Amino acid sequence: MPSTPRAAIIPVTPFQQNCTLLWCEATKRAAVIDPGGDLDRIQAAIAKAGVTVEKILLTHGHIDHAGGAADLRDALSVPVEGPHLADKPLLDRLPEAGAAYGLAGAKVVTPDRWLAEGDSVTVGELTFDVLHCPGHSPGSVVLVSRDARFAQVGDVLFRGSVGRTDLPGGDHAALIASIKTKLLPLGDDVAFIPGHGPTSTIGQERLSNPFLQ
């Protein structure tokens, strides 16, 4: 019987980014996905869940997703995994991005492990496949648990929308190709947590998302 993933969504920063505390129910081992900021709120959620964080995962390098990663890594003494190496320029410019968007104090973060298509990531007894899904950013990755029919998609796909592509490195055609060739084939029953807004399923987006028609 596969272990069950549990998740608590913690909206952080003025962008209300869905930082996610994801854990393995069997082991109570956890990952913090996309700690963009508001580390006190993230730490409170960790304490409330009663879990042990073993890593930080980044879906991509934008400030609202990665701005708190360096400080959280220092606080928890855990490694950072992801995103894809193509987002290194974004991670290297987090202090400048923070200043530009009113999120002062963000630090450069160099992941302990870059992620690429075909890699896998573990959280406790859970295993997630890595899909490289460029378009919103060059190095965006999606994490998929095929056993649990669950995905963490960052800003690639939202309920009723898709990631913006007007930021440096954005490519709308590449984004739509990523969704259609890598996410839709996962199956309609796969539920996902996006980087902003409510959760959804692949099937709901296949049927009703105006960007995918």
N, C-alpha and C. Protein backbone atom coordinates (compact mmCIF):
# COMPACT_ATOMS: atom_id res chain seq x y z
N MET A 1 0.85 -1.20 0.00
CA MET A 1 0.00 0.00 0.00
C MET A 1 0.89 1.24 0.00
N PRO A 2 0.79 2.08 -1.04
CA PRO A 2 1.64 3.28 -1.08
C PRO A 2 1.34 4.21 0.08
N SER A 3 2.38 4.92 0.52
CA SER A 3 2.18 5.93 1.56
C SER A 3 1.32 7.06 1.01
N THR A 4 0.61 7.72 1.90
CA THR A 4 -0.31 8.78 1.51
C THR A 4 0.33 10.14 1.72
N PRO A 5 0.30 11.01 0.70
CA PRO A 5 0.79 12.37 0.91
C PRO A 5 -0.27 13.22 1.58
N ARG A 6 0.16 14.06 2.50
CA ARG A 6 -0.70 15.05 3.13
C ARG A 6 -0.11 16.41 2.82
N ALA A 7 -0.97 17.41 2.74
CA ALA A 7 -0.48 18.74 2.37
C ALA A 7 -1.23 19.82 3.13
N ALA A 8 -0.49 20.85 3.52
CA ALA A 8 -1.07 22.06 4.09
C ALA A 8 -0.58 23.23 3.25
N ILE A 9 -1.51 24.01 2.73
CA ILE A 9 -1.16 25.16 1.91
C ILE A 9 -1.03 26.39 2.80
N ILE A 10 0.09 27.10 2.64
CA ILE A 10 0.39 28.28 3.46
C ILE A 10 0.58 29.47 2.51
N PRO A 11 -0.44 30.28 2.28
CA PRO A 11 -0.27 31.43 1.38
C PRO A 11 0.75 32.41 1.96
N VAL A 12 1.77 32.73 1.17
CA VAL A 12 2.84 33.60 1.65
C VAL A 12 3.07 34.75 0.68
N THR A 13 3.66 35.81 1.19
CA THR A 13 4.02 37.04 0.47
C THR A 13 2.75 37.77 0.01
N PRO A 14 2.88 39.04 -0.37
CA PRO A 14 1.72 39.76 -0.90
C PRO A 14 1.15 39.12 -2.17
N PHE A 15 1.92 38.23 -2.81
CA PHE A 15 1.44 37.54 -4.01
C PHE A 15 0.55 36.35 -3.65
N GLN A 16 0.39 36.06 -2.34
CA GLN A 16 -0.43 34.92 -1.89
C GLN A 16 -0.03 33.64 -2.63
N GLN A 17 1.25 33.37 -2.58
CA GLN A 17 1.80 32.17 -3.22
C GLN A 17 1.55 30.96 -2.33
N ASN A 18 1.14 29.86 -2.96
CA ASN A 18 0.81 28.65 -2.21
C ASN A 18 2.05 27.88 -1.80
N CYS A 19 2.76 28.37 -0.79
CA CYS A 19 3.80 27.53 -0.19
C CYS A 19 3.10 26.30 0.36
N THR A 20 3.67 25.12 0.13
CA THR A 20 3.02 23.88 0.55
C THR A 20 3.92 23.08 1.47
N LEU A 21 3.38 22.71 2.61
CA LEU A 21 4.03 21.74 3.49
C LEU A 21 3.47 20.38 3.12
N LEU A 22 4.32 19.54 2.57
CA LEU A 22 3.91 18.23 2.06
C LEU A 22 4.58 17.15 2.90
N TRP A 23 3.80 16.19 3.39
CA TRP A 23 4.44 15.17 4.21
C TRP A 23 3.89 13.78 3.93
N CYS A 24 4.71 12.81 4.31
CA CYS A 24 4.39 11.39 4.22
C CYS A 24 3.70 10.99 5.51
N GLU A 25 2.48 10.54 5.41
CA GLU A 25 1.71 10.21 6.61
C GLU A 25 2.35 9.07 7.41
N ALA A 26 2.99 8.14 6.71
CA ALA A 26 3.57 6.99 7.39
C ALA A 26 4.77 7.35 8.25
N THR A 27 5.57 8.32 7.78
CA THR A 27 6.83 8.63 8.47
C THR A 27 6.85 9.99 9.14
N LYS A 28 5.86 10.85 8.81
CA LYS A 28 5.84 12.24 9.29
C LYS A 28 7.07 13.02 8.83
N ARG A 29 7.68 12.57 7.74
CA ARG A 29 8.78 13.31 7.12
C ARG A 29 8.17 14.23 6.07
N ALA A 30 8.72 15.44 5.96
CA ALA A 30 8.07 16.47 5.15
C ALA A 30 9.04 17.24 4.27
N ALA A 31 8.45 17.94 3.30
CA ALA A 31 9.18 18.91 2.48
C ALA A 31 8.40 20.21 2.47
N VAL A 32 9.12 21.32 2.46
CA VAL A 32 8.50 22.63 2.25
C VAL A 32 8.72 22.99 0.79
N ILE A 33 7.62 23.17 0.07
CA ILE A 33 7.69 23.47 -1.35
C ILE A 33 7.45 24.97 -1.56
N ASP A 34 8.40 25.63 -2.19
CA ASP A 34 8.30 27.04 -2.57
C ASP A 34 8.08 27.99 -1.39
N PRO A 35 9.07 28.06 -0.48
CA PRO A 35 8.98 29.01 0.63
C PRO A 35 9.36 30.43 0.18
N GLY A 36 8.37 31.15 -0.33
CA GLY A 36 8.65 32.47 -0.88
C GLY A 36 8.95 33.54 0.15
N GLY A 37 8.50 33.32 1.38
CA GLY A 37 8.70 34.30 2.44
C GLY A 37 7.81 33.96 3.61
N ASP A 38 7.63 34.92 4.53
CA ASP A 38 6.78 34.70 5.71
C ASP A 38 7.17 33.42 6.45
N LEU A 39 8.45 33.32 6.78
CA LEU A 39 8.96 32.08 7.36
C LEU A 39 8.33 31.78 8.72
N ASP A 40 7.88 32.80 9.44
CA ASP A 40 7.22 32.53 10.72
C ASP A 40 5.95 31.74 10.52
N ARG A 41 5.21 32.03 9.47
CA ARG A 41 3.98 31.29 9.17
C ARG A 41 4.30 29.87 8.74
N ILE A 42 5.38 29.70 7.98
CA ILE A 42 5.78 28.36 7.56
C ILE A 42 6.21 27.53 8.77
N GLN A 43 7.00 28.13 9.63
CA GLN A 43 7.46 27.42 10.83
C GLN A 43 6.28 27.04 11.73
N ALA A 44 5.29 27.91 11.82
CA ALA A 44 4.10 27.60 12.63
C ALA A 44 3.34 26.41 12.04
N ALA A 45 3.24 26.36 10.72
CA ALA A 45 2.55 25.25 10.07
C ALA A 45 3.28 23.93 10.30
N ILE A 46 4.62 23.98 10.27
CA ILE A 46 5.42 22.78 10.53
C ILE A 46 5.15 22.28 11.95
N ALA A 47 5.15 23.19 12.90
CA ALA A 47 4.91 22.81 14.29
C ALA A 47 3.51 22.25 14.48
N LYS A 48 2.52 22.87 13.85
CA LYS A 48 1.14 22.41 13.97
C LYS A 48 0.97 21.00 13.41
N ALA A 49 1.64 20.72 12.30
CA ALA A 49 1.51 19.40 11.66
C ALA A 49 2.29 18.32 12.42
N GLY A 50 3.25 18.74 13.23
CA GLY A 50 4.04 17.78 13.98
C GLY A 50 4.92 16.90 13.10
N VAL A 51 5.49 17.51 12.07
CA VAL A 51 6.31 16.76 11.12
C VAL A 51 7.77 17.20 11.18
N THR A 52 8.63 16.39 10.60
CA THR A 52 10.06 16.71 10.51
C THR A 52 10.39 17.03 9.07
N VAL A 53 10.81 18.26 8.81
CA VAL A 53 11.15 18.66 7.44
C VAL A 53 12.52 18.11 7.08
N GLU A 54 12.60 17.42 5.94
CA GLU A 54 13.87 16.86 5.50
C GLU A 54 14.45 17.54 4.28
N LYS A 55 13.65 18.41 3.63
CA LYS A 55 14.18 19.13 2.46
C LYS A 55 13.25 20.27 2.08
N ILE A 56 13.80 21.17 1.29
CA ILE A 56 13.05 22.24 0.65
C ILE A 56 13.04 21.96 -0.84
N LEU A 57 11.88 22.08 -1.47
CA LEU A 57 11.76 21.86 -2.91
C LEU A 57 11.32 23.15 -3.58
N LEU A 58 11.96 23.47 -4.70
CA LEU A 58 11.60 24.67 -5.47
C LEU A 58 11.09 24.26 -6.84
N THR A 59 9.90 24.75 -7.21
CA THR A 59 9.38 24.47 -8.55
C THR A 59 9.97 25.40 -9.60
N HIS A 60 10.35 26.62 -9.19
CA HIS A 60 11.01 27.54 -10.11
C HIS A 60 11.62 28.69 -9.31
N GLY A 61 12.28 29.60 -10.03
CA GLY A 61 13.13 30.56 -9.36
C GLY A 61 12.57 31.94 -9.11
N HIS A 62 11.27 32.15 -9.27
CA HIS A 62 10.72 33.48 -9.05
C HIS A 62 10.68 33.84 -7.57
N ILE A 63 10.74 35.14 -7.29
CA ILE A 63 10.90 35.65 -5.93
C ILE A 63 9.81 35.16 -4.99
N ASP A 64 8.55 35.08 -5.45
CA ASP A 64 7.46 34.71 -4.54
C ASP A 64 7.48 33.22 -4.19
N HIS A 65 8.30 32.45 -4.91
CA HIS A 65 8.43 31.02 -4.64
C HIS A 65 9.74 30.68 -3.94
N ALA A 66 10.78 31.42 -4.23
CA ALA A 66 12.12 31.06 -3.74
C ALA A 66 12.73 32.08 -2.79
N GLY A 67 12.05 33.19 -2.55
CA GLY A 67 12.65 34.29 -1.79
C GLY A 67 13.05 33.95 -0.37
N GLY A 68 12.38 32.98 0.25
CA GLY A 68 12.71 32.61 1.62
C GLY A 68 13.53 31.35 1.74
N ALA A 69 13.92 30.77 0.60
CA ALA A 69 14.56 29.44 0.63
C ALA A 69 15.90 29.44 1.36
N ALA A 70 16.73 30.46 1.12
CA ALA A 70 18.05 30.48 1.75
C ALA A 70 17.93 30.57 3.27
N ASP A 71 17.06 31.46 3.75
CA ASP A 71 16.90 31.61 5.20
C ASP A 71 16.28 30.36 5.82
N LEU A 72 15.32 29.74 5.13
CA LEU A 72 14.69 28.54 5.68
C LEU A 72 15.68 27.38 5.70
N ARG A 73 16.52 27.30 4.67
CA ARG A 73 17.56 26.27 4.68
C ARG A 73 18.48 26.45 5.89
N ASP A 74 18.86 27.68 6.17
CA ASP A 74 19.72 27.94 7.33
C ASP A 74 19.01 27.58 8.63
N ALA A 75 17.72 27.92 8.71
CA ALA A 75 16.97 27.69 9.95
C ALA A 75 16.75 26.21 10.24
N LEU A 76 16.52 25.43 9.18
CA LEU A 76 16.18 24.02 9.36
C LEU A 76 17.35 23.07 9.12
N SER A 77 18.44 23.59 8.53
CA SER A 77 19.61 22.76 8.20
C SER A 77 19.21 21.58 7.31
N VAL A 78 18.50 21.88 6.24
CA VAL A 78 18.08 20.86 5.28
C VAL A 78 18.49 21.30 3.87
N PRO A 79 18.61 20.36 2.93
CA PRO A 79 19.00 20.72 1.57
C PRO A 79 17.86 21.32 0.77
N VAL A 80 18.24 22.06 -0.25
CA VAL A 80 17.29 22.59 -1.24
C VAL A 80 17.44 21.78 -2.52
N GLU A 81 16.32 21.28 -3.04
CA GLU A 81 16.32 20.53 -4.29
C GLU A 81 15.41 21.25 -5.29
N GLY A 82 15.91 21.39 -6.55
CA GLY A 82 15.15 22.06 -7.57
C GLY A 82 15.41 23.56 -7.51
N PRO A 83 15.00 24.25 -8.57
CA PRO A 83 14.34 23.74 -9.77
C PRO A 83 15.36 23.18 -10.77
N HIS A 84 15.06 23.29 -12.05
CA HIS A 84 15.98 22.92 -13.12
C HIS A 84 17.07 24.00 -13.23
N LEU A 85 18.24 23.59 -13.66
CA LEU A 85 19.39 24.49 -13.77
C LEU A 85 19.10 25.72 -14.63
N ALA A 86 18.15 25.61 -15.55
CA ALA A 86 17.83 26.75 -16.42
C ALA A 86 17.32 27.96 -15.65
N ASP A 87 16.89 27.76 -14.40
CA ASP A 87 16.43 28.89 -13.59
C ASP A 87 17.52 29.48 -12.71
N LYS A 88 18.77 29.06 -12.89
CA LYS A 88 19.86 29.61 -12.07
C LYS A 88 19.94 31.13 -12.17
N PRO A 89 19.78 31.74 -13.36
CA PRO A 89 19.84 33.21 -13.42
C PRO A 89 18.78 33.88 -12.54
N LEU A 90 17.61 33.28 -12.42
CA LEU A 90 16.57 33.85 -11.56
C LEU A 90 16.96 33.74 -10.09
N LEU A 91 17.50 32.60 -9.69
CA LEU A 91 17.90 32.42 -8.29
C LEU A 91 19.07 33.33 -7.93
N ASP A 92 19.94 33.58 -8.90
CA ASP A 92 21.09 34.46 -8.65
C ASP A 92 20.67 35.92 -8.49
N ARG A 93 19.48 36.26 -8.97
CA ARG A 93 19.01 37.65 -8.91
C ARG A 93 17.88 37.85 -7.89
N LEU A 94 17.71 36.92 -6.98
CA LEU A 94 16.63 37.06 -5.99
C LEU A 94 16.72 38.35 -5.18
N PRO A 95 17.91 38.80 -4.74
CA PRO A 95 17.95 40.07 -4.00
C PRO A 95 17.43 41.25 -4.82
N GLU A 96 17.80 41.31 -6.10
CA GLU A 96 17.32 42.39 -6.96
C GLU A 96 15.81 42.27 -7.19
N ALA A 97 15.34 41.04 -7.40
CA ALA A 97 13.91 40.83 -7.60
C ALA A 97 13.13 41.21 -6.35
N GLY A 98 13.67 40.87 -5.20
CA GLY A 98 13.01 41.22 -3.95
C GLY A 98 12.88 42.72 -3.78
N ALA A 99 13.95 43.43 -4.10
CA ALA A 99 13.92 44.89 -3.99
C ALA A 99 12.89 45.48 -4.96
N ALA A 100 12.81 44.91 -6.15
CA ALA A 100 11.90 45.43 -7.16
C ALA A 100 10.43 45.20 -6.80
N TYR A 101 10.16 44.09 -6.11
CA TYR A 101 8.77 43.72 -5.81
C TYR A 101 8.39 43.94 -4.35
N GLY A 102 9.21 44.67 -3.62
CA GLY A 102 8.86 44.98 -2.24
C GLY A 102 9.04 43.83 -1.28
N LEU A 103 9.92 42.89 -1.62
CA LEU A 103 10.19 41.74 -0.75
C LEU A 103 11.66 41.78 -0.35
N ALA A 104 12.03 42.82 0.34
CA ALA A 104 13.43 43.03 0.71
C ALA A 104 13.92 41.90 1.61
N GLY A 105 15.21 41.61 1.50
CA GLY A 105 15.83 40.61 2.36
C GLY A 105 16.02 39.27 1.71
N ALA A 106 15.50 39.08 0.49
CA ALA A 106 15.69 37.81 -0.20
C ALA A 106 17.17 37.61 -0.51
N LYS A 107 17.62 36.38 -0.37
CA LYS A 107 19.03 36.06 -0.60
C LYS A 107 19.17 35.11 -1.78
N VAL A 108 20.33 35.17 -2.41
CA VAL A 108 20.66 34.20 -3.46
C VAL A 108 20.62 32.80 -2.85
N VAL A 109 20.03 31.86 -3.57
CA VAL A 109 20.06 30.47 -3.11
C VAL A 109 20.59 29.59 -4.24
N THR A 110 21.58 28.78 -3.91
CA THR A 110 22.09 27.78 -4.85
C THR A 110 21.62 26.42 -4.36
N PRO A 111 20.78 25.74 -5.12
CA PRO A 111 20.27 24.45 -4.67
C PRO A 111 21.38 23.43 -4.42
N ASP A 112 21.14 22.56 -3.47
CA ASP A 112 22.05 21.44 -3.23
C ASP A 112 21.93 20.40 -4.33
N ARG A 113 20.78 20.40 -5.00
CA ARG A 113 20.55 19.47 -6.10
C ARG A 113 19.63 20.13 -7.11
N TRP A 114 20.11 20.24 -8.35
CA TRP A 114 19.25 20.68 -9.44
C TRP A 114 18.42 19.48 -9.90
N LEU A 115 17.23 19.74 -10.41
CA LEU A 115 16.36 18.67 -10.87
C LEU A 115 16.20 18.73 -12.38
N ALA A 116 16.08 17.56 -12.99
CA ALA A 116 15.93 17.46 -14.44
C ALA A 116 14.86 16.43 -14.77
N GLU A 117 14.37 16.49 -15.99
CA GLU A 117 13.38 15.53 -16.48
C GLU A 117 13.85 14.10 -16.20
N GLY A 118 12.96 13.31 -15.61
CA GLY A 118 13.28 11.92 -15.34
C GLY A 118 13.86 11.65 -13.97
N ASP A 119 14.24 12.72 -13.25
CA ASP A 119 14.70 12.53 -11.87
C ASP A 119 13.52 12.14 -10.99
N SER A 120 13.84 11.68 -9.79
CA SER A 120 12.80 11.46 -8.79
C SER A 120 13.21 12.12 -7.49
N VAL A 121 12.21 12.49 -6.71
CA VAL A 121 12.40 13.15 -5.42
C VAL A 121 11.63 12.35 -4.38
N THR A 122 12.25 12.13 -3.23
CA THR A 122 11.57 11.41 -2.16
C THR A 122 11.24 12.35 -1.00
N VAL A 123 10.11 12.07 -0.38
CA VAL A 123 9.71 12.73 0.87
C VAL A 123 9.20 11.61 1.77
N GLY A 124 9.98 11.25 2.78
CA GLY A 124 9.62 10.06 3.55
C GLY A 124 9.60 8.86 2.62
N GLU A 125 8.47 8.15 2.60
CA GLU A 125 8.32 6.99 1.72
C GLU A 125 7.64 7.35 0.40
N LEU A 126 7.37 8.62 0.19
CA LEU A 126 6.74 9.07 -1.05
C LEU A 126 7.80 9.29 -2.12
N THR A 127 7.45 9.01 -3.36
CA THR A 127 8.34 9.28 -4.49
C THR A 127 7.60 10.13 -5.52
N PHE A 128 8.25 11.19 -5.96
CA PHE A 128 7.69 12.08 -6.97
C PHE A 128 8.58 12.08 -8.20
N ASP A 129 7.95 11.94 -9.36
CA ASP A 129 8.68 12.07 -10.62
C ASP A 129 8.81 13.55 -10.97
N VAL A 130 9.94 13.90 -11.57
CA VAL A 130 10.21 15.29 -11.96
C VAL A 130 9.93 15.46 -13.45
N LEU A 131 9.09 16.43 -13.78
CA LEU A 131 8.83 16.81 -15.17
C LEU A 131 9.36 18.22 -15.38
N HIS A 132 10.24 18.40 -16.35
CA HIS A 132 10.72 19.75 -16.69
C HIS A 132 9.69 20.38 -17.61
N CYS A 133 9.07 21.47 -17.16
CA CYS A 133 7.96 22.09 -17.88
C CYS A 133 8.24 23.58 -18.12
N PRO A 134 9.15 23.90 -19.04
CA PRO A 134 9.48 25.31 -19.29
C PRO A 134 8.31 26.06 -19.90
N GLY A 135 8.38 27.38 -19.78
CA GLY A 135 7.36 28.25 -20.36
C GLY A 135 7.08 29.43 -19.46
N HIS A 136 6.62 29.16 -18.24
CA HIS A 136 6.47 30.25 -17.25
C HIS A 136 7.85 30.77 -16.87
N SER A 137 8.76 29.85 -16.65
CA SER A 137 10.19 30.16 -16.50
C SER A 137 10.94 29.04 -17.20
N PRO A 138 12.20 29.28 -17.56
CA PRO A 138 12.95 28.25 -18.29
C PRO A 138 13.16 26.96 -17.50
N GLY A 139 13.22 27.08 -16.17
CA GLY A 139 13.56 25.92 -15.36
C GLY A 139 12.44 25.39 -14.49
N SER A 140 11.20 25.70 -14.82
CA SER A 140 10.07 25.22 -14.01
C SER A 140 9.99 23.71 -14.02
N VAL A 141 9.73 23.13 -12.85
CA VAL A 141 9.52 21.69 -12.75
C VAL A 141 8.19 21.41 -12.07
N VAL A 142 7.62 20.27 -12.42
CA VAL A 142 6.40 19.75 -11.80
C VAL A 142 6.76 18.45 -11.10
N LEU A 143 6.21 18.24 -9.91
CA LEU A 143 6.47 17.04 -9.12
C LEU A 143 5.20 16.20 -9.10
N VAL A 144 5.30 14.94 -9.51
CA VAL A 144 4.13 14.09 -9.68
C VAL A 144 4.28 12.80 -8.89
N SER A 145 3.27 12.50 -8.06
CA SER A 145 3.17 11.18 -7.43
C SER A 145 2.15 10.37 -8.22
N ARG A 146 2.64 9.46 -9.03
CA ARG A 146 1.73 8.67 -9.87
C ARG A 146 0.89 7.73 -9.01
N ASP A 147 1.47 7.20 -7.94
CA ASP A 147 0.72 6.32 -7.04
C ASP A 147 -0.44 7.05 -6.38
N ALA A 148 -0.17 8.26 -5.91
CA ALA A 148 -1.19 9.02 -5.17
C ALA A 148 -2.08 9.85 -6.09
N ARG A 149 -1.76 9.90 -7.39
CA ARG A 149 -2.52 10.70 -8.36
C ARG A 149 -2.57 12.16 -7.92
N PHE A 150 -1.38 12.70 -7.69
CA PHE A 150 -1.24 14.05 -7.14
C PHE A 150 -0.03 14.72 -7.77
N ALA A 151 -0.14 16.04 -8.00
CA ALA A 151 0.98 16.80 -8.55
C ALA A 151 1.09 18.16 -7.89
N GLN A 152 2.31 18.63 -7.82
CA GLN A 152 2.61 19.99 -7.38
C GLN A 152 3.15 20.71 -8.62
N VAL A 153 2.41 21.70 -9.13
CA VAL A 153 2.70 22.20 -10.48
C VAL A 153 3.31 23.60 -10.52
N GLY A 154 3.54 24.23 -9.36
CA GLY A 154 4.10 25.57 -9.41
C GLY A 154 3.20 26.50 -10.19
N ASP A 155 3.79 27.36 -11.02
CA ASP A 155 3.01 28.31 -11.80
C ASP A 155 2.83 27.88 -13.25
N VAL A 156 2.94 26.58 -13.51
CA VAL A 156 2.72 26.08 -14.87
C VAL A 156 1.24 26.13 -15.22
N LEU A 157 0.40 25.66 -14.30
CA LEU A 157 -1.03 25.52 -14.57
C LEU A 157 -1.82 25.96 -13.33
N PHE A 158 -2.94 26.65 -13.57
CA PHE A 158 -3.84 27.07 -12.50
C PHE A 158 -5.25 26.60 -12.81
N ARG A 159 -6.14 26.72 -11.82
CA ARG A 159 -7.55 26.49 -12.12
C ARG A 159 -8.03 27.60 -13.04
N GLY A 160 -8.37 27.23 -14.26
CA GLY A 160 -8.90 28.19 -15.22
C GLY A 160 -7.90 29.09 -15.90
N SER A 161 -6.61 28.85 -15.68
CA SER A 161 -5.61 29.72 -16.29
C SER A 161 -4.28 28.97 -16.39
N VAL A 162 -3.28 29.69 -16.88
CA VAL A 162 -1.92 29.14 -16.98
C VAL A 162 -0.95 30.21 -16.50
N GLY A 163 0.30 29.82 -16.33
CA GLY A 163 1.30 30.76 -15.84
C GLY A 163 1.54 31.91 -16.81
N ARG A 164 1.86 33.07 -16.25
CA ARG A 164 2.17 34.23 -17.09
C ARG A 164 3.50 33.98 -17.79
N THR A 165 3.64 34.54 -18.98
CA THR A 165 4.86 34.31 -19.76
C THR A 165 5.49 35.62 -20.22
N ASP A 166 5.13 36.73 -19.54
CA ASP A 166 5.67 38.03 -19.92
C ASP A 166 6.88 38.42 -19.08
N LEU A 167 7.35 37.53 -18.22
CA LEU A 167 8.55 37.79 -17.44
C LEU A 167 9.77 37.25 -18.18
N PRO A 168 10.99 37.68 -17.82
CA PRO A 168 12.18 37.21 -18.53
C PRO A 168 12.26 35.68 -18.57
N GLY A 169 12.48 35.16 -19.78
CA GLY A 169 12.57 33.71 -19.95
C GLY A 169 11.24 33.04 -20.21
N GLY A 170 10.15 33.83 -20.18
CA GLY A 170 8.83 33.25 -20.44
C GLY A 170 8.63 32.96 -21.91
N ASP A 171 7.83 31.92 -22.20
CA ASP A 171 7.57 31.50 -23.58
C ASP A 171 6.21 30.82 -23.59
N HIS A 172 5.19 31.52 -24.10
CA HIS A 172 3.83 31.00 -24.03
C HIS A 172 3.67 29.70 -24.81
N ALA A 173 4.25 29.64 -26.00
CA ALA A 173 4.12 28.41 -26.80
C ALA A 173 4.76 27.23 -26.08
N ALA A 174 5.91 27.47 -25.45
CA ALA A 174 6.57 26.39 -24.71
C ALA A 174 5.73 25.96 -23.51
N LEU A 175 5.09 26.94 -22.85
CA LEU A 175 4.25 26.62 -21.69
C LEU A 175 3.08 25.73 -22.09
N ILE A 176 2.38 26.10 -23.14
CA ILE A 176 1.24 25.31 -23.58
C ILE A 176 1.70 23.92 -24.02
N ALA A 177 2.84 23.84 -24.68
CA ALA A 177 3.38 22.54 -25.08
C ALA A 177 3.71 21.69 -23.86
N SER A 178 4.28 22.31 -22.82
CA SER A 178 4.59 21.57 -21.60
C SER A 178 3.32 20.98 -20.99
N ILE A 179 2.28 21.80 -20.92
CA ILE A 179 1.02 21.33 -20.32
C ILE A 179 0.41 20.21 -21.14
N LYS A 180 0.37 20.40 -22.46
CA LYS A 180 -0.32 19.42 -23.30
C LYS A 180 0.45 18.12 -23.46
N THR A 181 1.77 18.19 -23.44
CA THR A 181 2.55 16.97 -23.67
C THR A 181 2.97 16.27 -22.38
N LYS A 182 2.99 17.00 -21.26
CA LYS A 182 3.48 16.40 -20.01
C LYS A 182 2.43 16.31 -18.90
N LEU A 183 1.56 17.30 -18.80
CA LEU A 183 0.58 17.28 -17.71
C LEU A 183 -0.73 16.60 -18.10
N LEU A 184 -1.30 16.95 -19.22
CA LEU A 184 -2.57 16.33 -19.60
C LEU A 184 -2.49 14.81 -19.70
N PRO A 185 -1.38 14.24 -20.21
CA PRO A 185 -1.30 12.77 -20.27
C PRO A 185 -1.23 12.07 -18.91
N LEU A 186 -1.05 12.82 -17.83
CA LEU A 186 -0.99 12.19 -16.51
C LEU A 186 -2.31 11.54 -16.14
N GLY A 187 -3.41 12.04 -16.69
CA GLY A 187 -4.72 11.46 -16.41
C GLY A 187 -5.64 12.45 -15.73
N ASP A 188 -6.93 12.36 -16.07
CA ASP A 188 -7.91 13.32 -15.58
C ASP A 188 -8.08 13.28 -14.07
N ASP A 189 -7.77 12.15 -13.44
CA ASP A 189 -8.00 12.01 -12.00
C ASP A 189 -6.88 12.60 -11.15
N VAL A 190 -5.82 13.09 -11.77
CA VAL A 190 -4.71 13.65 -11.00
C VAL A 190 -5.09 15.02 -10.45
N ALA A 191 -5.07 15.15 -9.13
CA ALA A 191 -5.32 16.43 -8.48
C ALA A 191 -4.01 17.20 -8.37
N PHE A 192 -4.09 18.53 -8.39
CA PHE A 192 -2.85 19.30 -8.28
C PHE A 192 -3.03 20.54 -7.41
N ILE A 193 -1.91 20.91 -6.78
CA ILE A 193 -1.81 22.18 -6.07
C ILE A 193 -1.00 23.13 -6.94
N PRO A 194 -1.59 24.26 -7.34
CA PRO A 194 -0.85 25.24 -8.14
C PRO A 194 -0.13 26.24 -7.25
N GLY A 195 0.65 27.10 -7.87
CA GLY A 195 1.40 28.10 -7.13
C GLY A 195 0.56 29.24 -6.59
N HIS A 196 -0.64 29.42 -7.12
CA HIS A 196 -1.56 30.47 -6.66
C HIS A 196 -2.98 29.97 -6.86
N GLY A 197 -3.88 30.37 -5.98
CA GLY A 197 -5.28 30.06 -6.17
C GLY A 197 -5.67 28.65 -5.75
N PRO A 198 -6.90 28.25 -6.09
CA PRO A 198 -7.43 26.98 -5.62
C PRO A 198 -6.85 25.77 -6.34
N THR A 199 -7.01 24.62 -5.69
CA THR A 199 -6.58 23.36 -6.30
C THR A 199 -7.53 22.98 -7.43
N SER A 200 -7.11 22.00 -8.23
CA SER A 200 -7.94 21.54 -9.33
C SER A 200 -7.51 20.13 -9.70
N THR A 201 -8.05 19.64 -10.81
CA THR A 201 -7.63 18.35 -11.36
C THR A 201 -7.26 18.53 -12.82
N ILE A 202 -6.46 17.61 -13.32
CA ILE A 202 -6.10 17.65 -14.74
C ILE A 202 -7.36 17.56 -15.60
N GLY A 203 -8.31 16.72 -15.20
CA GLY A 203 -9.53 16.57 -15.98
C GLY A 203 -10.34 17.85 -16.07
N GLN A 204 -10.46 18.56 -14.94
CA GLN A 204 -11.21 19.82 -14.94
C GLN A 204 -10.57 20.82 -15.88
N GLU A 205 -9.24 20.88 -15.87
CA GLU A 205 -8.56 21.85 -16.74
C GLU A 205 -8.62 21.43 -18.20
N ARG A 206 -8.55 20.14 -18.45
CA ARG A 206 -8.66 19.68 -19.84
C ARG A 206 -10.00 20.11 -20.44
N LEU A 207 -11.05 20.05 -19.64
CA LEU A 207 -12.39 20.34 -20.13
C LEU A 207 -12.69 21.83 -20.20
N SER A 208 -12.22 22.60 -19.20
CA SER A 208 -12.75 23.96 -19.06
C SER A 208 -11.72 25.08 -19.10
N ASN A 209 -10.43 24.75 -19.07
CA ASN A 209 -9.43 25.82 -19.06
C ASN A 209 -9.38 26.48 -20.44
N PRO A 210 -9.69 27.78 -20.53
CA PRO A 210 -9.76 28.42 -21.85
C PRO A 210 -8.44 28.42 -22.61
N PHE A 211 -7.32 28.31 -21.91
CA PHE A 211 -6.02 28.32 -22.57
C PHE A 211 -5.68 26.97 -23.20
N LEU A 212 -6.47 25.95 -22.91
CA LEU A 212 -6.16 24.60 -23.39
C LEU A 212 -7.17 24.10 -24.41
N GLN A 213 -8.06 24.99 -24.84
CA GLN A 213 -9.09 24.55 -25.79
C GLN A 213 -8.61 24.71 -27.22
